[in-house]
N, C-alpha and C. Protein backbone atom coordinates (compact mmCIF):
# COMPACT_ATOMS: atom_id res chain seq x y z
N MET A 1 15.84 15.01 3.00
CA MET A 1 16.61 13.78 2.87
C MET A 1 17.75 13.83 3.89
N LEU A 2 17.71 12.92 4.84
CA LEU A 2 18.78 12.80 5.82
C LEU A 2 19.77 11.75 5.35
N LYS A 3 21.01 12.14 5.21
CA LYS A 3 22.06 11.23 4.75
C LYS A 3 22.09 9.95 5.59
N GLU A 4 21.89 10.10 6.91
CA GLU A 4 21.97 8.95 7.82
C GLU A 4 20.87 7.93 7.57
N LYS A 5 19.80 8.32 6.89
CA LYS A 5 18.68 7.42 6.63
C LYS A 5 18.51 7.15 5.14
N THR A 6 19.58 7.38 4.36
CA THR A 6 19.48 7.27 2.91
C THR A 6 20.38 6.15 2.38
N VAL A 7 19.83 5.41 1.43
CA VAL A 7 20.51 4.30 0.75
C VAL A 7 20.61 4.66 -0.73
N CYS A 8 21.75 4.34 -1.33
CA CYS A 8 21.87 4.45 -2.79
C CYS A 8 22.18 3.08 -3.37
N PHE A 9 21.97 2.96 -4.67
CA PHE A 9 22.14 1.69 -5.37
C PHE A 9 23.20 1.82 -6.46
N SER A 10 23.84 0.70 -6.74
CA SER A 10 24.74 0.62 -7.89
C SER A 10 24.71 -0.82 -8.40
N GLY A 11 24.90 -0.98 -9.69
CA GLY A 11 24.91 -2.33 -10.25
C GLY A 11 25.02 -2.29 -11.76
N HIS A 12 25.26 -3.45 -12.31
CA HIS A 12 25.47 -3.59 -13.74
C HIS A 12 24.16 -3.73 -14.51
N ARG A 13 24.28 -3.63 -15.81
CA ARG A 13 23.18 -3.96 -16.71
C ARG A 13 22.99 -5.48 -16.63
N PRO A 14 21.79 -5.98 -16.93
CA PRO A 14 21.53 -7.42 -16.76
C PRO A 14 22.53 -8.33 -17.48
N HIS A 15 22.90 -8.02 -18.72
CA HIS A 15 23.79 -8.91 -19.46
C HIS A 15 25.19 -8.98 -18.85
N LYS A 16 25.57 -7.99 -18.06
CA LYS A 16 26.89 -8.00 -17.43
C LYS A 16 26.89 -8.77 -16.10
N LEU A 17 25.73 -9.19 -15.65
CA LEU A 17 25.63 -9.93 -14.39
C LEU A 17 25.78 -11.43 -14.59
N ILE A 18 25.59 -11.90 -15.80
CA ILE A 18 25.58 -13.34 -16.08
C ILE A 18 26.96 -13.80 -16.54
N GLN A 19 27.49 -14.80 -15.86
CA GLN A 19 28.79 -15.37 -16.22
C GLN A 19 28.58 -16.52 -17.21
N LYS A 20 29.63 -16.82 -17.95
CA LYS A 20 29.58 -17.91 -18.93
C LYS A 20 29.17 -19.22 -18.24
N GLY A 21 28.23 -19.90 -18.84
CA GLY A 21 27.76 -21.17 -18.31
C GLY A 21 26.57 -21.05 -17.38
N ALA A 22 26.18 -19.84 -17.04
CA ALA A 22 25.04 -19.64 -16.15
C ALA A 22 23.80 -19.32 -16.96
N SER A 23 22.67 -19.63 -16.41
CA SER A 23 21.39 -19.38 -17.07
C SER A 23 20.77 -18.09 -16.54
N ALA A 24 20.53 -17.14 -17.44
CA ALA A 24 19.93 -15.87 -17.04
C ALA A 24 18.57 -16.10 -16.37
N GLU A 25 17.82 -17.09 -16.86
CA GLU A 25 16.49 -17.36 -16.31
C GLU A 25 16.55 -17.82 -14.86
N LYS A 26 17.68 -18.36 -14.43
CA LYS A 26 17.81 -18.81 -13.05
C LYS A 26 18.59 -17.81 -12.19
N VAL A 27 19.60 -17.17 -12.77
CA VAL A 27 20.46 -16.28 -12.00
C VAL A 27 19.79 -14.93 -11.72
N LEU A 28 19.17 -14.33 -12.73
CA LEU A 28 18.59 -13.00 -12.55
C LEU A 28 17.48 -12.98 -11.47
N PRO A 29 16.59 -13.97 -11.43
CA PRO A 29 15.62 -13.96 -10.32
C PRO A 29 16.28 -14.08 -8.94
N LEU A 30 17.35 -14.84 -8.84
CA LEU A 30 18.09 -14.96 -7.58
C LEU A 30 18.69 -13.60 -7.19
N ILE A 31 19.31 -12.94 -8.15
CA ILE A 31 19.91 -11.62 -7.89
C ILE A 31 18.83 -10.61 -7.51
N ARG A 32 17.74 -10.62 -8.25
CA ARG A 32 16.66 -9.67 -7.95
C ARG A 32 16.06 -9.92 -6.57
N SER A 33 15.93 -11.18 -6.19
CA SER A 33 15.37 -11.47 -4.86
C SER A 33 16.34 -11.04 -3.76
N MET A 34 17.63 -11.17 -3.99
CA MET A 34 18.62 -10.71 -3.01
C MET A 34 18.60 -9.19 -2.91
N LEU A 35 18.42 -8.51 -4.03
CA LEU A 35 18.30 -7.05 -4.04
C LEU A 35 17.06 -6.63 -3.26
N TYR A 36 15.94 -7.28 -3.51
CA TYR A 36 14.70 -6.99 -2.80
C TYR A 36 14.91 -7.17 -1.29
N TYR A 37 15.53 -8.28 -0.91
CA TYR A 37 15.79 -8.55 0.50
C TYR A 37 16.62 -7.43 1.13
N GLU A 38 17.65 -6.96 0.43
CA GLU A 38 18.51 -5.90 0.97
C GLU A 38 17.74 -4.60 1.16
N ILE A 39 16.80 -4.31 0.25
CA ILE A 39 15.98 -3.10 0.40
C ILE A 39 15.04 -3.26 1.60
N GLU A 40 14.40 -4.40 1.69
CA GLU A 40 13.51 -4.67 2.82
C GLU A 40 14.29 -4.57 4.13
N GLN A 41 15.49 -5.11 4.16
CA GLN A 41 16.33 -5.05 5.36
C GLN A 41 16.70 -3.60 5.69
N ALA A 42 16.98 -2.79 4.68
CA ALA A 42 17.32 -1.38 4.91
C ALA A 42 16.14 -0.65 5.57
N VAL A 43 14.93 -0.91 5.11
CA VAL A 43 13.75 -0.29 5.73
C VAL A 43 13.65 -0.75 7.18
N SER A 44 13.86 -2.04 7.41
CA SER A 44 13.82 -2.58 8.76
C SER A 44 14.90 -1.94 9.65
N ASP A 45 16.02 -1.56 9.05
CA ASP A 45 17.12 -0.93 9.78
C ASP A 45 16.91 0.57 9.99
N GLY A 46 15.79 1.11 9.51
CA GLY A 46 15.46 2.51 9.75
C GLY A 46 15.72 3.45 8.59
N PHE A 47 16.12 2.94 7.44
CA PHE A 47 16.34 3.79 6.27
C PHE A 47 14.99 4.10 5.63
N ASP A 48 14.83 5.35 5.18
CA ASP A 48 13.54 5.73 4.60
C ASP A 48 13.66 6.49 3.27
N CYS A 49 14.87 6.66 2.79
CA CYS A 49 15.08 7.36 1.52
C CYS A 49 16.03 6.53 0.66
N PHE A 50 15.69 6.38 -0.62
CA PHE A 50 16.45 5.53 -1.53
C PHE A 50 16.74 6.31 -2.81
N ILE A 51 18.01 6.27 -3.24
CA ILE A 51 18.42 6.99 -4.45
C ILE A 51 18.79 5.98 -5.53
N SER A 52 18.13 6.10 -6.68
CA SER A 52 18.43 5.27 -7.85
C SER A 52 19.06 6.13 -8.93
N GLY A 53 20.11 5.60 -9.55
CA GLY A 53 20.76 6.28 -10.67
C GLY A 53 20.05 6.09 -11.99
N MET A 54 18.99 5.27 -12.02
CA MET A 54 18.07 5.12 -13.15
C MET A 54 18.67 4.44 -14.38
N ALA A 55 19.75 3.69 -14.22
CA ALA A 55 20.29 2.93 -15.34
C ALA A 55 19.49 1.63 -15.48
N VAL A 56 19.44 1.10 -16.69
CA VAL A 56 18.77 -0.18 -16.94
C VAL A 56 19.47 -1.26 -16.13
N GLY A 57 18.68 -2.13 -15.54
CA GLY A 57 19.23 -3.21 -14.72
C GLY A 57 19.00 -2.94 -13.25
N VAL A 58 20.04 -3.07 -12.46
CA VAL A 58 19.95 -2.99 -11.01
C VAL A 58 19.28 -1.70 -10.54
N ASP A 59 19.66 -0.56 -11.12
CA ASP A 59 19.07 0.72 -10.69
C ASP A 59 17.55 0.74 -10.85
N LEU A 60 17.08 0.32 -12.01
CA LEU A 60 15.63 0.33 -12.25
C LEU A 60 14.91 -0.75 -11.44
N TRP A 61 15.54 -1.91 -11.27
CA TRP A 61 14.93 -2.95 -10.45
C TRP A 61 14.74 -2.42 -9.02
N ALA A 62 15.81 -1.82 -8.48
CA ALA A 62 15.75 -1.31 -7.11
C ALA A 62 14.67 -0.24 -6.99
N ALA A 63 14.62 0.68 -7.94
CA ALA A 63 13.62 1.74 -7.91
C ALA A 63 12.21 1.16 -7.94
N ARG A 64 12.00 0.16 -8.78
CA ARG A 64 10.68 -0.49 -8.87
C ARG A 64 10.32 -1.15 -7.55
N TYR A 65 11.29 -1.80 -6.90
CA TYR A 65 11.02 -2.46 -5.62
C TYR A 65 10.66 -1.42 -4.55
N VAL A 66 11.39 -0.31 -4.53
CA VAL A 66 11.09 0.74 -3.56
C VAL A 66 9.67 1.26 -3.79
N MET A 67 9.33 1.53 -5.04
CA MET A 67 7.97 2.01 -5.35
C MET A 67 6.92 0.99 -4.92
N GLY A 68 7.20 -0.27 -5.15
CA GLY A 68 6.26 -1.32 -4.76
C GLY A 68 6.09 -1.45 -3.25
N MET A 69 7.13 -1.13 -2.50
CA MET A 69 7.08 -1.23 -1.04
C MET A 69 6.35 -0.05 -0.40
N LYS A 70 6.07 0.98 -1.18
CA LYS A 70 5.42 2.17 -0.61
C LYS A 70 4.03 1.87 -0.04
N SER A 71 3.33 0.86 -0.54
CA SER A 71 2.03 0.54 0.03
C SER A 71 2.19 -0.05 1.43
N LYS A 72 3.25 -0.80 1.64
CA LYS A 72 3.54 -1.39 2.96
C LYS A 72 4.23 -0.38 3.88
N TYR A 73 5.09 0.47 3.29
CA TYR A 73 5.86 1.47 4.04
C TYR A 73 5.64 2.84 3.39
N PRO A 74 4.52 3.49 3.67
CA PRO A 74 4.19 4.75 2.98
C PRO A 74 5.16 5.89 3.28
N PHE A 75 6.00 5.74 4.26
CA PHE A 75 6.94 6.80 4.64
C PHE A 75 8.23 6.79 3.82
N ILE A 76 8.47 5.74 3.04
CA ILE A 76 9.73 5.70 2.28
C ILE A 76 9.64 6.59 1.05
N LYS A 77 10.79 7.09 0.63
CA LYS A 77 10.88 8.01 -0.51
C LYS A 77 11.85 7.45 -1.55
N LEU A 78 11.54 7.73 -2.80
CA LEU A 78 12.42 7.37 -3.91
C LEU A 78 12.90 8.64 -4.60
N ILE A 79 14.21 8.75 -4.73
CA ILE A 79 14.82 9.86 -5.45
C ILE A 79 15.51 9.29 -6.68
N CYS A 80 15.26 9.91 -7.82
CA CYS A 80 15.92 9.53 -9.06
C CYS A 80 17.06 10.52 -9.30
N ALA A 81 18.28 10.02 -9.35
CA ALA A 81 19.46 10.84 -9.65
C ALA A 81 19.83 10.59 -11.10
N ILE A 82 19.45 11.51 -11.95
CA ILE A 82 19.63 11.35 -13.40
C ILE A 82 20.90 12.10 -13.81
N PRO A 83 21.85 11.40 -14.45
CA PRO A 83 23.14 12.02 -14.76
C PRO A 83 23.05 13.17 -15.76
N TYR A 84 22.15 13.06 -16.74
CA TYR A 84 21.95 14.13 -17.73
C TYR A 84 20.51 14.07 -18.22
N ALA A 85 19.99 15.18 -18.65
CA ALA A 85 18.56 15.34 -18.93
C ALA A 85 18.00 14.31 -19.90
N ASP A 86 18.73 13.93 -20.91
CA ASP A 86 18.22 13.01 -21.93
C ASP A 86 18.62 11.55 -21.68
N GLN A 87 18.91 11.18 -20.45
CA GLN A 87 19.39 9.83 -20.15
C GLN A 87 18.50 8.74 -20.77
N GLY A 88 17.20 8.86 -20.69
CA GLY A 88 16.32 7.80 -21.14
C GLY A 88 15.90 7.85 -22.59
N LYS A 89 16.44 8.80 -23.37
CA LYS A 89 15.91 8.99 -24.74
C LYS A 89 16.17 7.83 -25.68
N ASN A 90 17.18 7.01 -25.43
CA ASN A 90 17.48 5.88 -26.33
C ASN A 90 16.84 4.58 -25.88
N LEU A 91 16.08 4.61 -24.80
CA LEU A 91 15.43 3.40 -24.32
C LEU A 91 14.22 3.08 -25.18
N ARG A 92 13.89 1.81 -25.25
CA ARG A 92 12.75 1.36 -26.05
C ARG A 92 11.97 0.32 -25.26
N GLY A 93 10.75 0.11 -25.66
CA GLY A 93 9.93 -0.97 -25.12
C GLY A 93 9.79 -0.95 -23.61
N GLU A 94 9.99 -2.12 -23.01
CA GLU A 94 9.81 -2.30 -21.58
C GLU A 94 10.74 -1.40 -20.77
N ASP A 95 11.98 -1.23 -21.22
CA ASP A 95 12.92 -0.37 -20.50
C ASP A 95 12.44 1.08 -20.46
N LEU A 96 11.94 1.57 -21.59
CA LEU A 96 11.43 2.94 -21.64
C LEU A 96 10.20 3.10 -20.74
N PHE A 97 9.30 2.12 -20.80
CA PHE A 97 8.10 2.18 -19.97
C PHE A 97 8.48 2.21 -18.49
N GLU A 98 9.37 1.31 -18.08
CA GLU A 98 9.78 1.25 -16.68
C GLU A 98 10.48 2.53 -16.24
N TYR A 99 11.41 3.02 -17.07
CA TYR A 99 12.13 4.25 -16.76
C TYR A 99 11.16 5.42 -16.60
N SER A 100 10.26 5.58 -17.54
CA SER A 100 9.30 6.69 -17.51
C SER A 100 8.35 6.59 -16.33
N THR A 101 7.86 5.39 -16.06
CA THR A 101 6.94 5.20 -14.94
C THR A 101 7.62 5.54 -13.62
N ILE A 102 8.83 5.07 -13.44
CA ILE A 102 9.56 5.35 -12.19
C ILE A 102 9.85 6.84 -12.07
N LYS A 103 10.35 7.43 -13.13
CA LYS A 103 10.68 8.87 -13.11
C LYS A 103 9.44 9.70 -12.80
N ASN A 104 8.31 9.37 -13.42
CA ASN A 104 7.09 10.14 -13.24
C ASN A 104 6.44 9.95 -11.86
N ASN A 105 6.79 8.87 -11.17
CA ASN A 105 6.18 8.58 -9.88
C ASN A 105 7.14 8.72 -8.70
N ALA A 106 8.38 9.10 -8.96
CA ALA A 106 9.36 9.28 -7.89
C ALA A 106 8.97 10.46 -7.00
N ASP A 107 9.45 10.44 -5.79
CA ASP A 107 9.19 11.55 -4.88
C ASP A 107 10.01 12.78 -5.26
N LYS A 108 11.16 12.55 -5.88
CA LYS A 108 12.01 13.67 -6.31
C LYS A 108 12.89 13.20 -7.47
N VAL A 109 13.07 14.06 -8.45
CA VAL A 109 13.97 13.78 -9.57
C VAL A 109 15.04 14.87 -9.58
N ILE A 110 16.28 14.43 -9.54
CA ILE A 110 17.40 15.36 -9.57
C ILE A 110 18.17 15.11 -10.86
N VAL A 111 18.26 16.13 -11.71
CA VAL A 111 19.02 16.05 -12.95
C VAL A 111 20.34 16.78 -12.71
N LEU A 112 21.43 16.05 -12.83
CA LEU A 112 22.74 16.61 -12.47
C LEU A 112 23.41 17.40 -13.58
N SER A 113 22.98 17.20 -14.83
CA SER A 113 23.54 17.97 -15.94
C SER A 113 22.49 18.06 -17.05
N GLU A 114 22.43 19.18 -17.70
CA GLU A 114 21.49 19.32 -18.82
C GLU A 114 21.94 18.50 -20.03
N LYS A 115 23.24 18.34 -20.20
CA LYS A 115 23.77 17.63 -21.37
C LYS A 115 24.72 16.51 -20.93
N TYR A 116 24.84 15.51 -21.81
CA TYR A 116 25.78 14.42 -21.57
C TYR A 116 27.21 14.96 -21.67
N TYR A 117 28.09 14.47 -20.81
CA TYR A 117 29.53 14.69 -20.93
C TYR A 117 30.23 13.47 -20.36
N SER A 118 31.48 13.28 -20.66
CA SER A 118 32.17 12.02 -20.37
C SER A 118 32.19 11.62 -18.89
N GLU A 119 32.13 12.56 -17.99
CA GLU A 119 32.20 12.25 -16.56
C GLU A 119 30.84 12.29 -15.86
N CYS A 120 29.74 12.39 -16.61
CA CYS A 120 28.44 12.61 -15.97
C CYS A 120 28.00 11.42 -15.11
N PHE A 121 28.35 10.19 -15.50
CA PHE A 121 27.95 9.03 -14.69
C PHE A 121 28.75 8.98 -13.39
N LYS A 122 30.04 9.34 -13.47
CA LYS A 122 30.86 9.40 -12.25
C LYS A 122 30.32 10.47 -11.31
N ARG A 123 29.92 11.60 -11.87
CA ARG A 123 29.36 12.67 -11.04
C ARG A 123 28.07 12.20 -10.37
N ARG A 124 27.22 11.50 -11.12
CA ARG A 124 25.98 10.95 -10.56
C ARG A 124 26.28 9.99 -9.41
N ASN A 125 27.23 9.08 -9.64
CA ASN A 125 27.59 8.11 -8.61
C ASN A 125 28.14 8.78 -7.36
N LYS A 126 28.98 9.80 -7.56
CA LYS A 126 29.54 10.55 -6.44
C LYS A 126 28.42 11.25 -5.66
N TYR A 127 27.49 11.86 -6.38
CA TYR A 127 26.35 12.52 -5.73
C TYR A 127 25.59 11.52 -4.85
N MET A 128 25.31 10.35 -5.38
CA MET A 128 24.54 9.36 -4.64
C MET A 128 25.28 8.94 -3.37
N VAL A 129 26.57 8.63 -3.50
CA VAL A 129 27.36 8.20 -2.34
C VAL A 129 27.47 9.34 -1.33
N ASP A 130 27.72 10.54 -1.79
CA ASP A 130 27.89 11.69 -0.89
C ASP A 130 26.62 12.02 -0.11
N ASN A 131 25.49 11.54 -0.59
CA ASN A 131 24.22 11.85 0.07
C ASN A 131 23.58 10.62 0.73
N SER A 132 24.37 9.58 0.96
CA SER A 132 23.86 8.33 1.53
C SER A 132 24.77 7.85 2.66
N SER A 133 24.26 6.92 3.45
CA SER A 133 25.09 6.27 4.45
C SER A 133 25.15 4.75 4.24
N ARG A 134 24.39 4.25 3.27
CA ARG A 134 24.46 2.82 2.91
C ARG A 134 24.43 2.71 1.39
N LEU A 135 25.21 1.76 0.89
CA LEU A 135 25.19 1.41 -0.53
C LEU A 135 24.77 -0.04 -0.66
N ILE A 136 23.77 -0.27 -1.49
CA ILE A 136 23.40 -1.62 -1.89
C ILE A 136 23.85 -1.76 -3.33
N ALA A 137 24.74 -2.72 -3.59
CA ALA A 137 25.29 -2.88 -4.93
C ALA A 137 25.23 -4.34 -5.37
N VAL A 138 25.09 -4.54 -6.67
CA VAL A 138 25.16 -5.85 -7.28
C VAL A 138 26.30 -5.77 -8.28
N VAL A 139 27.32 -6.60 -8.07
CA VAL A 139 28.54 -6.47 -8.87
C VAL A 139 29.06 -7.83 -9.32
N SER A 140 29.59 -7.87 -10.52
CA SER A 140 30.32 -9.05 -11.00
C SER A 140 31.72 -8.67 -11.44
N ASP A 141 31.93 -7.39 -11.76
CA ASP A 141 33.23 -6.91 -12.24
C ASP A 141 33.58 -5.62 -11.51
N TYR A 142 34.61 -5.70 -10.68
CA TYR A 142 35.00 -4.51 -9.91
C TYR A 142 35.76 -3.48 -10.76
N ARG A 143 36.13 -3.85 -11.99
CA ARG A 143 36.74 -2.87 -12.90
C ARG A 143 35.64 -2.28 -13.77
N SER A 144 34.77 -1.54 -13.13
CA SER A 144 33.58 -0.99 -13.80
C SER A 144 33.14 0.25 -13.02
N GLY A 145 32.13 0.92 -13.53
CA GLY A 145 31.56 2.05 -12.81
C GLY A 145 31.01 1.61 -11.46
N THR A 146 30.40 0.43 -11.43
CA THR A 146 29.89 -0.09 -10.15
C THR A 146 31.05 -0.35 -9.20
N GLY A 147 32.13 -0.93 -9.69
CA GLY A 147 33.31 -1.16 -8.85
C GLY A 147 33.88 0.13 -8.32
N GLN A 148 33.95 1.15 -9.17
CA GLN A 148 34.44 2.47 -8.72
C GLN A 148 33.52 3.07 -7.66
N THR A 149 32.22 2.89 -7.84
CA THR A 149 31.26 3.42 -6.87
C THR A 149 31.42 2.70 -5.53
N ILE A 150 31.59 1.39 -5.56
CA ILE A 150 31.80 0.62 -4.33
C ILE A 150 33.07 1.10 -3.63
N ASN A 151 34.15 1.28 -4.37
CA ASN A 151 35.41 1.75 -3.77
C ASN A 151 35.26 3.14 -3.17
N TYR A 152 34.58 4.04 -3.86
CA TYR A 152 34.37 5.38 -3.35
C TYR A 152 33.49 5.34 -2.09
N ALA A 153 32.47 4.50 -2.11
CA ALA A 153 31.59 4.37 -0.94
C ALA A 153 32.36 3.81 0.26
N LYS A 154 33.23 2.86 -0.01
CA LYS A 154 34.05 2.28 1.07
C LYS A 154 34.95 3.36 1.68
N LYS A 155 35.63 4.13 0.82
CA LYS A 155 36.50 5.23 1.29
C LYS A 155 35.70 6.28 2.04
N SER A 156 34.43 6.46 1.66
CA SER A 156 33.57 7.47 2.28
C SER A 156 32.91 6.97 3.56
N GLY A 157 33.15 5.71 3.90
CA GLY A 157 32.63 5.16 5.15
C GLY A 157 31.20 4.67 5.12
N LEU A 158 30.65 4.44 3.95
CA LEU A 158 29.28 3.93 3.87
C LEU A 158 29.20 2.48 4.34
N ASP A 159 28.05 2.10 4.81
CA ASP A 159 27.74 0.72 5.16
C ASP A 159 27.48 0.00 3.83
N LEU A 160 28.34 -0.96 3.49
CA LEU A 160 28.25 -1.63 2.19
C LEU A 160 27.47 -2.94 2.29
N HIS A 161 26.51 -3.11 1.42
CA HIS A 161 25.75 -4.35 1.28
C HIS A 161 25.90 -4.77 -0.18
N ILE A 162 26.79 -5.74 -0.41
CA ILE A 162 27.17 -6.13 -1.76
C ILE A 162 26.60 -7.50 -2.09
N VAL A 163 25.90 -7.58 -3.21
CA VAL A 163 25.44 -8.85 -3.76
C VAL A 163 26.46 -9.22 -4.85
N ASP A 164 27.13 -10.34 -4.67
CA ASP A 164 28.15 -10.79 -5.61
C ASP A 164 27.51 -11.64 -6.70
N ALA A 165 27.36 -11.07 -7.88
CA ALA A 165 26.70 -11.76 -8.99
C ALA A 165 27.47 -13.00 -9.43
N LYS A 166 28.81 -12.97 -9.32
CA LYS A 166 29.60 -14.15 -9.69
C LYS A 166 29.25 -15.34 -8.82
N LYS A 167 29.09 -15.10 -7.52
CA LYS A 167 28.72 -16.19 -6.61
C LYS A 167 27.34 -16.72 -6.93
N CYS A 168 26.43 -15.83 -7.32
CA CYS A 168 25.09 -16.27 -7.72
C CYS A 168 25.18 -17.17 -8.94
N CYS A 169 26.02 -16.80 -9.90
CA CYS A 169 26.20 -17.61 -11.11
C CYS A 169 26.85 -18.96 -10.77
N GLU A 170 27.87 -18.93 -9.91
CA GLU A 170 28.55 -20.16 -9.52
C GLU A 170 27.59 -21.10 -8.81
N THR A 171 26.75 -20.56 -7.94
CA THR A 171 25.76 -21.36 -7.23
C THR A 171 24.82 -22.02 -8.22
N GLN A 172 24.38 -21.25 -9.22
CA GLN A 172 23.46 -21.79 -10.22
C GLN A 172 24.14 -22.86 -11.06
N ILE A 173 25.39 -22.65 -11.44
CA ILE A 173 26.12 -23.63 -12.25
C ILE A 173 26.35 -24.90 -11.45
N LEU A 174 26.81 -24.76 -10.19
CA LEU A 174 27.06 -25.93 -9.35
C LEU A 174 25.79 -26.72 -9.07
N SER A 175 24.66 -26.04 -8.97
CA SER A 175 23.41 -26.74 -8.65
C SER A 175 23.02 -27.74 -9.73
N ARG A 176 23.54 -27.57 -10.94
CA ARG A 176 23.26 -28.53 -12.01
C ARG A 176 23.94 -29.87 -11.77
N TYR A 177 25.03 -29.84 -10.99
CA TYR A 177 25.82 -31.05 -10.79
C TYR A 177 25.47 -31.77 -9.49
N TYR A 178 24.67 -31.16 -8.67
CA TYR A 178 24.29 -31.76 -7.41
C TYR A 178 22.78 -31.81 -7.32
N SER A 179 22.29 -32.89 -6.81
CA SER A 179 20.85 -33.05 -6.71
C SER A 179 20.51 -33.39 -5.26
N SER A 180 19.37 -32.94 -4.80
CA SER A 180 18.94 -33.27 -3.46
C SER A 180 18.38 -34.71 -3.40
N ASP A 181 18.11 -35.29 -4.57
CA ASP A 181 17.64 -36.66 -4.64
C ASP A 181 18.80 -37.61 -4.89
N PRO A 182 19.16 -38.45 -3.92
CA PRO A 182 20.24 -39.43 -4.20
C PRO A 182 19.70 -40.48 -5.17
N ASP A 183 20.58 -40.96 -6.03
CA ASP A 183 20.19 -41.97 -7.02
C ASP A 183 19.91 -43.30 -6.39
């Protein structure tokens, strides 16, 4: 894994991406498509290694997209940076299936701690940033773990590619009031 060719991801859980008045059915596909575009652009820019922190939401979406792109770009690698060994034990249904499938098919799985402790997510985020040169993040609240990761990545000199979930929500809300068809 060459740091210069490595991208890491950060982002919120799906329910934290939606602002009041916005429709999840319209906003989440927009956010996911922007995330997909950023990954595709990273590959086009010469990046070939991607690190996912494996949290529900942005991390798992990004990991799934990277895995899906492997047929088109067989040289890309997915690394799962798991903060503690039992991270996925409380997942159920679709989230558990997605987490397990990604973990079992990743090119490398790195477990940073055998047990949960209060700083394990910060340690995971620091590991990802310290081993990358680009961060792709989806954020709506900068007073969060994602916000802290973005700030640390900025201080560390990473190339930041930020998808602003609030703007996606505002765009969706405003689109209800404007129509391309004049009356």
